[in-house]
Structures are given as structure tokens and as C-alpha cells.
Amino acid sequence: MAKKAWIARNEKRKKTVAKYAEKRKELKEAGDYEGLQKLPRNASPTRVRNRCSITGRSRGFVGKYGVSRIKFRELALSGELPGVKKASW
């Protein structure tokens, strides 16, 4: 389980990105890079980290399902992910 502060910080970044998304788009189209630098650092979408929606783990993230590799395996083996089954050949 990730620290609560890390999860909260990432959520705060997501809100900041959403808040400044339109303004960033306008500044980029205008080519005003000085104006972009004056925006908060966390307004950039690259600062947001993909995290597991259950545990908050940042590494081993499976984007299609929004969970970490560990939780993905647990959910898949328990049959809670529709259409996912263990490979056998």
C-alpha cells in the first residue's frame, strides 16, 4: 500500500492539470513558452503518475484495467475481471 500522502499528492496534481488544461492548450498553440513557464509545475500532465486504483502502487501499472500487476493477477485469478483468463497452450 502506498503512503496516503503520495496518493493525495497525485490526486491534487490531477486537479491542477484539469484546471490549467485549457490555458496550457492556448499558450502552446500561440507558442508562448514564457507564459507556460509561469504556470505551476504541477499543471503539466507529465507530472501525474499512473497509480493502482486499489492499492496506490505506482510501478507495474496495467493501464487498460487501472490496477497494478499484483492486483491484476489477484482479480483475474478470482474471476473478477470479465474476459480475462489464464493462458494455457
PDB file of N, CA and C in Angstrom:
ATOM      1  N   MET A   1       0.839  -1.187   0.000  1.00  0.00           N
ATOM      2  CA  MET A   1       0.000   0.000   0.000  1.00  0.00           C
ATOM      3  C   MET A   1       0.885   1.251   0.000  1.00  0.00           C
ATOM      4  N   ALA A   2       0.602   2.156  -0.906  1.00  0.00           N
ATOM      5  CA  ALA A   2       1.367   3.399  -0.980  1.00  0.00           C
ATOM      6  C   ALA A   2       0.974   4.318   0.176  1.00  0.00           C
ATOM      7  N   LYS A   3       1.877   5.227   0.487  1.00  0.00           N
ATOM      8  CA  LYS A   3       1.571   6.180   1.546  1.00  0.00           C
ATOM      9  C   LYS A   3       0.400   7.056   1.112  1.00  0.00           C
ATOM     10  N   LYS A   4      -0.434   7.380   2.072  1.00  0.00           N
ATOM     11  CA  LYS A   4      -1.619   8.197   1.777  1.00  0.00           C
ATOM     12  C   LYS A   4      -1.236   9.560   1.217  1.00  0.00           C
ATOM     13  N   ALA A   5      -0.113  10.100   1.672  1.00  0.00           N
ATOM     14  CA  ALA A   5       0.325  11.415   1.203  1.00  0.00           C
ATOM     15  C   ALA A   5       0.679  11.380  -0.279  1.00  0.00           C
ATOM     16  N   TRP A   6       1.296  10.281  -0.729  1.00  0.00           N
ATOM     17  CA  TRP A   6       1.650  10.168  -2.139  1.00  0.00           C
ATOM     18  C   TRP A   6       0.408  10.102  -3.006  1.00  0.00           C
ATOM     19  N   ILE A   7      -0.579   9.353  -2.545  1.00  0.00           N
ATOM     20  CA  ILE A   7      -1.830   9.219  -3.291  1.00  0.00           C
ATOM     21  C   ILE A   7      -2.544  10.572  -3.339  1.00  0.00           C
ATOM     22  N   ALA A   8      -2.596  11.254  -2.192  1.00  0.00           N
ATOM     23  CA  ALA A   8      -3.263  12.559  -2.114  1.00  0.00           C
ATOM     24  C   ALA A   8      -2.548  13.587  -2.992  1.00  0.00           C
ATOM     25  N   ARG A   9      -1.215  13.555  -3.012  1.00  0.00           N
ATOM     26  CA  ARG A   9      -0.435  14.487  -3.823  1.00  0.00           C
ATOM     27  C   ARG A   9      -0.727  14.277  -5.303  1.00  0.00           C
ATOM     28  N   ASN A  10      -0.835  13.010  -5.695  1.00  0.00           N
ATOM     29  CA  ASN A  10      -1.123  12.702  -7.098  1.00  0.00           C
ATOM     30  C   ASN A  10      -2.529  13.165  -7.482  1.00  0.00           C
ATOM     31  N   GLU A  11      -3.488  13.001  -6.577  1.00  0.00           N
ATOM     32  CA  GLU A  11      -4.859  13.468  -6.843  1.00  0.00           C
ATOM     33  C   GLU A  11      -4.889  14.993  -6.985  1.00  0.00           C
ATOM     34  N   LYS A  12      -4.108  15.667  -6.163  1.00  0.00           N
ATOM     35  CA  LYS A  12      -4.031  17.128  -6.235  1.00  0.00           C
ATOM     36  C   LYS A  12      -3.447  17.555  -7.580  1.00  0.00           C
ATOM     37  N   ARG A  13      -2.443  16.806  -8.049  1.00  0.00           N
ATOM     38  CA  ARG A  13      -1.852  17.110  -9.353  1.00  0.00           C
ATOM     39  C   ARG A  13      -2.873  16.929 -10.462  1.00  0.00           C
ATOM     40  N   LYS A  14      -3.694  15.885 -10.372  1.00  0.00           N
ATOM     41  CA  LYS A  14      -4.722  15.648 -11.392  1.00  0.00           C
ATOM     42  C   LYS A  14      -5.687  16.823 -11.471  1.00  0.00           C
ATOM     43  N   LYS A  15      -6.070  17.361 -10.318  1.00  0.00           N
ATOM     44  CA  LYS A  15      -6.981  18.509 -10.293  1.00  0.00           C
ATOM     45  C   LYS A  15      -6.325  19.740 -10.912  1.00  0.00           C
ATOM     46  N   THR A  16      -5.044  19.945 -10.609  1.00  0.00           N
ATOM     47  CA  THR A  16      -4.315  21.095 -11.156  1.00  0.00           C
ATOM     48  C   THR A  16      -4.188  20.980 -12.668  1.00  0.00           C
ATOM     49  N   VAL A  17      -3.913  19.781 -13.163  1.00  0.00           N
ATOM     50  CA  VAL A  17      -3.809  19.566 -14.613  1.00  0.00           C
ATOM     51  C   VAL A  17      -5.136  19.891 -15.281  1.00  0.00           C
ATOM     52  N   ALA A  18      -6.227  19.426 -14.694  1.00  0.00           N
ATOM     53  CA  ALA A  18      -7.551  19.682 -15.267  1.00  0.00           C
ATOM     54  C   ALA A  18      -7.877  21.181 -15.252  1.00  0.00           C
ATOM     55  N   LYS A  19      -7.462  21.858 -14.194  1.00  0.00           N
ATOM     56  CA  LYS A  19      -7.740  23.286 -14.045  1.00  0.00           C
ATOM     57  C   LYS A  19      -7.040  24.120 -15.125  1.00  0.00           C
ATOM     58  N   TYR A  20      -5.788  23.782 -15.422  1.00  0.00           N
ATOM     59  CA  TYR A  20      -4.993  24.574 -16.354  1.00  0.00           C
ATOM     60  C   TYR A  20      -4.932  23.987 -17.760  1.00  0.00           C
ATOM     61  N   ALA A  21      -5.670  22.945 -18.056  1.00  0.00           N
ATOM     62  CA  ALA A  21      -5.579  22.267 -19.354  1.00  0.00           C
ATOM     63  C   ALA A  21      -5.891  23.212 -20.515  1.00  0.00           C
ATOM     64  N   GLU A  22      -6.965  23.958 -20.398  1.00  0.00           N
ATOM     65  CA  GLU A  22      -7.375  24.860 -21.484  1.00  0.00           C
ATOM     66  C   GLU A  22      -6.353  25.977 -21.687  1.00  0.00           C
ATOM     67  N   LYS A  23      -5.874  26.540 -20.586  1.00  0.00           N
ATOM     68  CA  LYS A  23      -4.904  27.625 -20.678  1.00  0.00           C
ATOM     69  C   LYS A  23      -3.590  27.132 -21.289  1.00  0.00           C
ATOM     70  N   ARG A  24      -3.155  25.936 -20.899  1.00  0.00           N
ATOM     71  CA  ARG A  24      -1.928  25.350 -21.470  1.00  0.00           C
ATOM     72  C   ARG A  24      -2.080  25.144 -22.968  1.00  0.00           C
ATOM     73  N   LYS A  25      -3.264  24.688 -23.372  1.00  0.00           N
ATOM     74  CA  LYS A  25      -3.512  24.441 -24.796  1.00  0.00           C
ATOM     75  C   LYS A  25      -3.416  25.748 -25.590  1.00  0.00           C
ATOM     76  N   GLU A  26      -4.017  26.800 -25.061  1.00  0.00           N
ATOM     77  CA  GLU A  26      -3.971  28.098 -25.735  1.00  0.00           C
ATOM     78  C   GLU A  26      -2.544  28.628 -25.834  1.00  0.00           C
ATOM     79  N   LEU A  27      -1.792  28.527 -24.740  1.00  0.00           N
ATOM     80  CA  LEU A  27      -0.417  29.030 -24.738  1.00  0.00           C
ATOM     81  C   LEU A  27       0.467  28.236 -25.689  1.00  0.00           C
ATOM     82  N   LYS A  28       0.261  26.938 -25.767  1.00  0.00           N
ATOM     83  CA  LYS A  28       1.055  26.113 -26.677  1.00  0.00           C
ATOM     84  C   LYS A  28       0.757  26.450 -28.130  1.00  0.00           C
ATOM     85  N   GLU A  29      -0.535  26.648 -28.456  1.00  0.00           N
ATOM     86  CA  GLU A  29      -0.903  26.998 -29.828  1.00  0.00           C
ATOM     87  C   GLU A  29      -0.326  28.351 -30.225  1.00  0.00           C
ATOM     88  N   ALA A  30      -0.270  29.279 -29.263  1.00  0.00           N
ATOM     89  CA  ALA A  30       0.275  30.607 -29.531  1.00  0.00           C
ATOM     90  C   ALA A  30       1.804  30.598 -29.550  1.00  0.00           C
ATOM     91  N   GLY A  31       2.408  29.544 -29.040  1.00  0.00           N
ATOM     92  CA  GLY A  31       3.861  29.448 -28.990  1.00  0.00           C
ATOM     93  C   GLY A  31       4.472  30.280 -27.881  1.00  0.00           C
ATOM     94  N   ASP A  32       3.672  30.603 -26.875  1.00  0.00           N
ATOM     95  CA  ASP A  32       4.119  31.430 -25.747  1.00  0.00           C
ATOM     96  C   ASP A  32       4.711  30.539 -24.653  1.00  0.00           C
ATOM     97  N   TYR A  33       5.985  30.186 -24.814  1.00  0.00           N
ATOM     98  CA  TYR A  33       6.628  29.279 -23.860  1.00  0.00           C
ATOM     99  C   TYR A  33       6.992  29.976 -22.557  1.00  0.00           C
ATOM    100  N   GLU A  34       7.151  31.293 -22.597  1.00  0.00           N
ATOM    101  CA  GLU A  34       7.392  32.038 -21.366  1.00  0.00           C
ATOM    102  C   GLU A  34       6.146  32.032 -20.491  1.00  0.00           C
ATOM    103  N   GLY A  35       4.993  32.125 -21.133  1.00  0.00           N
ATOM    104  CA  GLY A  35       3.731  32.054 -20.392  1.00  0.00           C
ATOM    105  C   GLY A  35       3.518  30.676 -19.786  1.00  0.00           C
ATOM    106  N   LEU A  36       3.950  29.654 -20.513  1.00  0.00           N
ATOM    107  CA  LEU A  36       3.844  28.289 -19.987  1.00  0.00           C
ATOM    108  C   LEU A  36       4.715  28.107 -18.756  1.00  0.00           C
ATOM    109  N   GLN A  37       5.878  28.726 -18.746  1.00  0.00           N
ATOM    110  CA  GLN A  37       6.785  28.603 -17.606  1.00  0.00           C
ATOM    111  C   GLN A  37       6.237  29.271 -16.357  1.00  0.00           C
ATOM    112  N   LYS A  38       5.352  30.243 -16.545  1.00  0.00           N
ATOM    113  CA  LYS A  38       4.785  30.948 -15.396  1.00  0.00           C
ATOM    114  C   LYS A  38       3.660  30.160 -14.727  1.00  0.00           C
ATOM    115  N   LEU A  39       3.156  29.145 -15.412  1.00  0.00           N
ATOM    116  CA  LEU A  39       2.132  28.294 -14.809  1.00  0.00           C
ATOM    117  C   LEU A  39       2.774  27.409 -13.739  1.00  0.00           C
ATOM    118  N   PRO A  40       1.971  26.874 -12.815  1.00  0.00           N
ATOM    119  CA  PRO A  40       2.537  25.973 -11.803  1.00  0.00           C
ATOM    120  C   PRO A  40       3.139  24.719 -12.446  1.00  0.00           C
ATOM    121  N   ARG A  41       4.166  24.181 -11.816  1.00  0.00           N
ATOM    122  CA  ARG A  41       4.806  22.979 -12.349  1.00  0.00           C
ATOM    123  C   ARG A  41       3.819  21.825 -12.458  1.00  0.00           C
ATOM    124  N   ASN A  42       2.956  21.699 -11.473  1.00  0.00           N
ATOM    125  CA  ASN A  42       2.018  20.578 -11.454  1.00  0.00           C
ATOM    126  C   ASN A  42       0.882  20.729 -12.458  1.00  0.00           C
ATOM    127  N   ALA A  43       0.902  21.797 -13.248  1.00  0.00           N
ATOM    128  CA  ALA A  43      -0.098  21.964 -14.297  1.00  0.00           C
ATOM    129  C   ALA A  43       0.232  21.117 -15.522  1.00  0.00           C
ATOM    130  N   SER A  44       1.445  20.586 -15.560  1.00  0.00           N
ATOM    131  CA  SER A  44       1.865  19.754 -16.680  1.00  0.00           C
ATOM    132  C   SER A  44       1.366  18.321 -16.497  1.00  0.00           C
ATOM    133  N   PRO A  45       0.744  17.737 -17.529  1.00  0.00           N
ATOM    134  CA  PRO A  45       0.210  16.370 -17.389  1.00  0.00           C
ATOM    135  C   PRO A  45       1.285  15.313 -17.176  1.00  0.00           C
ATOM    136  N   THR A  46       2.541  15.613 -17.518  1.00  0.00           N
ATOM    137  CA  THR A  46       3.592  14.618 -17.320  1.00  0.00           C
ATOM    138  C   THR A  46       3.945  14.438 -15.849  1.00  0.00           C
ATOM    139  N   ARG A  47       3.499  15.336 -14.991  1.00  0.00           N
ATOM    140  CA  ARG A  47       3.790  15.227 -13.557  1.00  0.00           C
ATOM    141  C   ARG A  47       2.850  14.246 -12.857  1.00  0.00           C
ATOM    142  N   VAL A  48       1.765  13.876 -13.514  1.00  0.00           N
ATOM    143  CA  VAL A  48       0.810  12.934 -12.922  1.00  0.00           C
ATOM    144  C   VAL A  48       1.347  11.519 -13.102  1.00  0.00           C
ATOM    145  N   ARG A  49       1.290  10.746 -12.041  1.00  0.00           N
ATOM    146  CA  ARG A  49       1.808   9.383 -12.043  1.00  0.00           C
ATOM    147  C   ARG A  49       0.637   8.405 -12.100  1.00  0.00           C
ATOM    148  N   ASN A  50       0.744   7.395 -12.968  1.00  0.00           N
ATOM    149  CA  ASN A  50      -0.279   6.354 -13.004  1.00  0.00           C
ATOM    150  C   ASN A  50      -0.168   5.511 -11.746  1.00  0.00           C
ATOM    151  N   ARG A  51      -1.270   5.362 -11.028  1.00  0.00           N
ATOM    152  CA  ARG A  51      -1.273   4.583  -9.788  1.00  0.00           C
ATOM    153  C   ARG A  51      -2.428   3.596  -9.784  1.00  0.00           C
ATOM    154  N   CYS A  52      -2.226   2.487  -9.075  1.00  0.00           N
ATOM    155  CA  CYS A  52      -3.253   1.477  -8.919  1.00  0.00           C
ATOM    156  C   CYS A  52      -4.439   2.090  -8.190  1.00  0.00           C
ATOM    157  N   SER A  53      -5.636   1.843  -8.683  1.00  0.00           N
ATOM    158  CA  SER A  53      -6.824   2.436  -8.070  1.00  0.00           C
ATOM    159  C   SER A  53      -7.175   1.774  -6.740  1.00  0.00           C
ATOM    160  N   ILE A  54      -6.625   0.593  -6.473  1.00  0.00           N
ATOM    161  CA  ILE A  54      -6.932  -0.123  -5.236  1.00  0.00           C
ATOM    162  C   ILE A  54      -5.863   0.122  -4.174  1.00  0.00           C
ATOM    163  N   THR A  55      -4.595  -0.101  -4.538  1.00  0.00           N
ATOM    164  CA  THR A  55      -3.511  -0.010  -3.557  1.00  0.00           C
ATOM    165  C   THR A  55      -2.714   1.275  -3.625  1.00  0.00           C
ATOM    166  N   GLY A  56      -2.728   1.955  -4.757  1.00  0.00           N
ATOM    167  CA  GLY A  56      -1.948   3.169  -4.921  1.00  0.00           C
ATOM    168  C   GLY A  56      -0.532   2.904  -5.414  1.00  0.00           C
ATOM    169  N   ARG A  57      -0.220   1.645  -5.705  1.00  0.00           N
ATOM    170  CA  ARG A  57       1.115   1.287  -6.181  1.00  0.00           C
ATOM    171  C   ARG A  57       1.384   1.972  -7.521  1.00  0.00           C
ATOM    172  N   SER A  58       2.607   2.515  -7.673  1.00  0.00           N
ATOM    173  CA  SER A  58       2.909   3.272  -8.885  1.00  0.00           C
ATOM    174  C   SER A  58       3.617   2.437  -9.944  1.00  0.00           C
ATOM    175  N   ARG A  59       4.319   1.403  -9.541  1.00  0.00           N
ATOM    176  CA  ARG A  59       5.055   0.598 -10.515  1.00  0.00           C
ATOM    177  C   ARG A  59       4.257  -0.629 -10.903  1.00  0.00           C
ATOM    178  N   GLY A  60       4.486  -1.106 -12.116  1.00  0.00           N
ATOM    179  CA  GLY A  60       3.774  -2.287 -12.589  1.00  0.00           C
ATOM    180  C   GLY A  60       2.311  -1.994 -12.851  1.00  0.00           C
ATOM    181  N   PHE A  61       2.018  -0.822 -13.385  1.00  0.00           N
ATOM    182  CA  PHE A  61       0.639  -0.386 -13.627  1.00  0.00           C
ATOM    183  C   PHE A  61       0.131  -0.958 -14.943  1.00  0.00           C
ATOM    184  N   VAL A  62      -1.047  -1.587 -14.911  1.00  0.00           N
ATOM    185  CA  VAL A  62      -1.678  -2.120 -16.121  1.00  0.00           C
ATOM    186  C   VAL A  62      -2.753  -1.110 -16.517  1.00  0.00           C
ATOM    187  N   GLY A  63      -2.450  -0.314 -17.545  1.00  0.00           N
ATOM    188  CA  GLY A  63      -3.289   0.827 -17.906  1.00  0.00           C
ATOM    189  C   GLY A  63      -4.709   0.492 -18.300  1.00  0.00           C
ATOM    190  N   LYS A  64      -4.900  -0.603 -19.018  1.00  0.00           N
ATOM    191  CA  LYS A  64      -6.232  -0.951 -19.501  1.00  0.00           C
ATOM    192  C   LYS A  64      -7.210  -1.211 -18.353  1.00  0.00           C
ATOM    193  N   TYR A  65      -6.680  -1.719 -17.254  1.00  0.00           N
ATOM    194  CA  TYR A  65      -7.536  -2.069 -16.122  1.00  0.00           C
ATOM    195  C   TYR A  65      -7.387  -1.116 -14.941  1.00  0.00           C
ATOM    196  N   GLY A  66      -6.373  -0.271 -14.957  1.00  0.00           N
ATOM    197  CA  GLY A  66      -6.198   0.725 -13.910  1.00  0.00           C
ATOM    198  C   GLY A  66      -5.720   0.178 -12.581  1.00  0.00           C
ATOM    199  N   VAL A  67      -5.078  -0.984 -12.598  1.00  0.00           N
ATOM    200  CA  VAL A  67      -4.572  -1.586 -11.370  1.00  0.00           C
ATOM    201  C   VAL A  67      -3.121  -2.023 -11.570  1.00  0.00           C
ATOM    202  N   SER A  68      -2.458  -2.347 -10.470  1.00  0.00           N
ATOM    203  CA  SER A  68      -1.075  -2.819 -10.557  1.00  0.00           C
ATOM    204  C   SER A  68      -1.063  -4.281 -11.000  1.00  0.00           C
ATOM    205  N   ARG A  69       0.106  -4.755 -11.380  1.00  0.00           N
ATOM    206  CA  ARG A  69       0.248  -6.132 -11.865  1.00  0.00           C
ATOM    207  C   ARG A  69      -0.146  -7.144 -10.802  1.00  0.00           C
ATOM    208  N   ILE A  70       0.101  -6.822  -9.543  1.00  0.00           N
ATOM    209  CA  ILE A  70      -0.205  -7.748  -8.454  1.00  0.00           C
ATOM    210  C   ILE A  70      -1.712  -7.872  -8.276  1.00  0.00           C
ATOM    211  N   LYS A  71      -2.394  -6.736  -8.207  1.00  0.00           N
ATOM    212  CA  LYS A  71      -3.856  -6.746  -8.060  1.00  0.00           C
ATOM    213  C   LYS A  71      -4.522  -7.310  -9.308  1.00  0.00           C
ATOM    214  N   PHE A  72      -3.928  -7.031 -10.478  1.00  0.00           N
ATOM    215  CA  PHE A  72      -4.478  -7.567 -11.718  1.00  0.00           C
ATOM    216  C   PHE A  72      -4.505  -9.091 -11.661  1.00  0.00           C
ATOM    217  N   ARG A  73      -3.401  -9.670 -11.221  1.00  0.00           N
ATOM    218  CA  ARG A  73      -3.322 -11.132 -11.140  1.00  0.00           C
ATOM    219  C   ARG A  73      -4.329 -11.682 -10.136  1.00  0.00           C
ATOM    220  N   GLU A  74      -4.438 -11.039  -8.974  1.00  0.00           N
ATOM    221  CA  GLU A  74      -5.390 -11.491  -7.954  1.00  0.00           C
ATOM    222  C   GLU A  74      -6.821 -11.428  -8.483  1.00  0.00           C
ATOM    223  N   LEU A  75      -7.173 -10.314  -9.118  1.00  0.00           N
ATOM    224  CA  LEU A  75      -8.533 -10.144  -9.637  1.00  0.00           C
ATOM    225  C   LEU A  75      -8.823 -11.114 -10.773  1.00  0.00           C
ATOM    226  N   ALA A  76      -7.825 -11.331 -11.637  1.00  0.00           N
ATOM    227  CA  ALA A  76      -8.015 -12.230 -12.771  1.00  0.00           C
ATOM    228  C   ALA A  76      -8.197 -13.671 -12.304  1.00  0.00           C
ATOM    229  N   LEU A  77      -7.402 -14.109 -11.350  1.00  0.00           N
ATOM    230  CA  LEU A  77      -7.495 -15.482 -10.861  1.00  0.00           C
ATOM    231  C   LEU A  77      -8.773 -15.733 -10.068  1.00  0.00           C
ATOM    232  N   SER A  78      -9.299 -14.695  -9.445  1.00  0.00           N
ATOM    233  CA  SER A  78     -10.555 -14.862  -8.709  1.00  0.00           C
ATOM    234  C   SER A  78     -11.775 -14.680  -9.615  1.00  0.00           C
ATOM    235  N   GLY A  79     -11.537 -14.348 -10.903  1.00  0.00           N
ATOM    236  CA  GLY A  79     -12.633 -14.232 -11.865  1.00  0.00           C
ATOM    237  C   GLY A  79     -13.384 -12.931 -11.815  1.00  0.00           C
ATOM    238  N   GLU A  80     -12.790 -11.896 -11.260  1.00  0.00           N
ATOM    239  CA  GLU A  80     -13.475 -10.609 -11.132  1.00  0.00           C
ATOM    240  C   GLU A  80     -13.244  -9.674 -12.317  1.00  0.00           C
ATOM    241  N   LEU A  81     -12.359 -10.060 -13.231  1.00  0.00           N
ATOM    242  CA  LEU A  81     -12.133  -9.278 -14.444  1.00  0.00           C
ATOM    243  C   LEU A  81     -12.767 -10.006 -15.612  1.00  0.00           C
ATOM    244  N   PRO A  82     -13.826  -9.465 -16.191  1.00  0.00           N
ATOM    245  CA  PRO A  82     -14.501 -10.149 -17.279  1.00  0.00           C
ATOM    246  C   PRO A  82     -13.629 -10.267 -18.527  1.00  0.00           C
ATOM    247  N   GLY A  83     -13.623 -11.425 -19.118  1.00  0.00           N
ATOM    248  CA  GLY A  83     -12.883 -11.669 -20.354  1.00  0.00           C
ATOM    249  C   GLY A  83     -11.417 -11.997 -20.162  1.00  0.00           C
ATOM    250  N   VAL A  84     -10.954 -12.064 -18.934  1.00  0.00           N
ATOM    251  CA  VAL A  84      -9.549 -12.361 -18.668  1.00  0.00           C
ATOM    252  C   VAL A  84      -9.457 -13.773 -18.120  1.00  0.00           C
ATOM    253  N   LYS A  85      -8.620 -14.586 -18.765  1.00  0.00           N
ATOM    254  CA  LYS A  85      -8.405 -15.924 -18.258  1.00  0.00           C
ATOM    255  C   LYS A  85      -6.940 -16.291 -18.395  1.00  0.00           C
ATOM    256  N   LYS A  86      -6.514 -17.230 -17.631  1.00  0.00           N
ATOM    257  CA  LYS A  86      -5.125 -17.647 -17.617  1.00  0.00           C
ATOM    258  C   LYS A  86      -4.796 -18.351 -18.937  1.00  0.00           C
ATOM    259  N   ALA A  87      -3.633 -18.023 -19.467  1.00  0.00           N
ATOM    260  CA  ALA A  87      -3.220 -18.615 -20.732  1.00  0.00           C
ATOM    261  C   ALA A  87      -2.803 -20.067 -20.538  1.00  0.00           C
ATOM    262  N   SER A  88      -3.131 -20.883 -21.506  1.00  0.00           N
ATOM    263  CA  SER A  88      -2.660 -22.277 -21.490  1.00  0.00           C
ATOM    264  C   SER A  88      -2.482 -22.739 -22.913  1.00  0.00           C
ATOM    265  N   TRP A  89      -1.354 -23.362 -23.185  1.00  0.00           N
ATOM    266  CA  TRP A  89      -1.088 -23.857 -24.529  1.00  0.00           C
ATOM    267  C   TRP A  89      -0.245 -25.107 -24.484  1.00  0.00           C
TER     268      TRP A  89
END
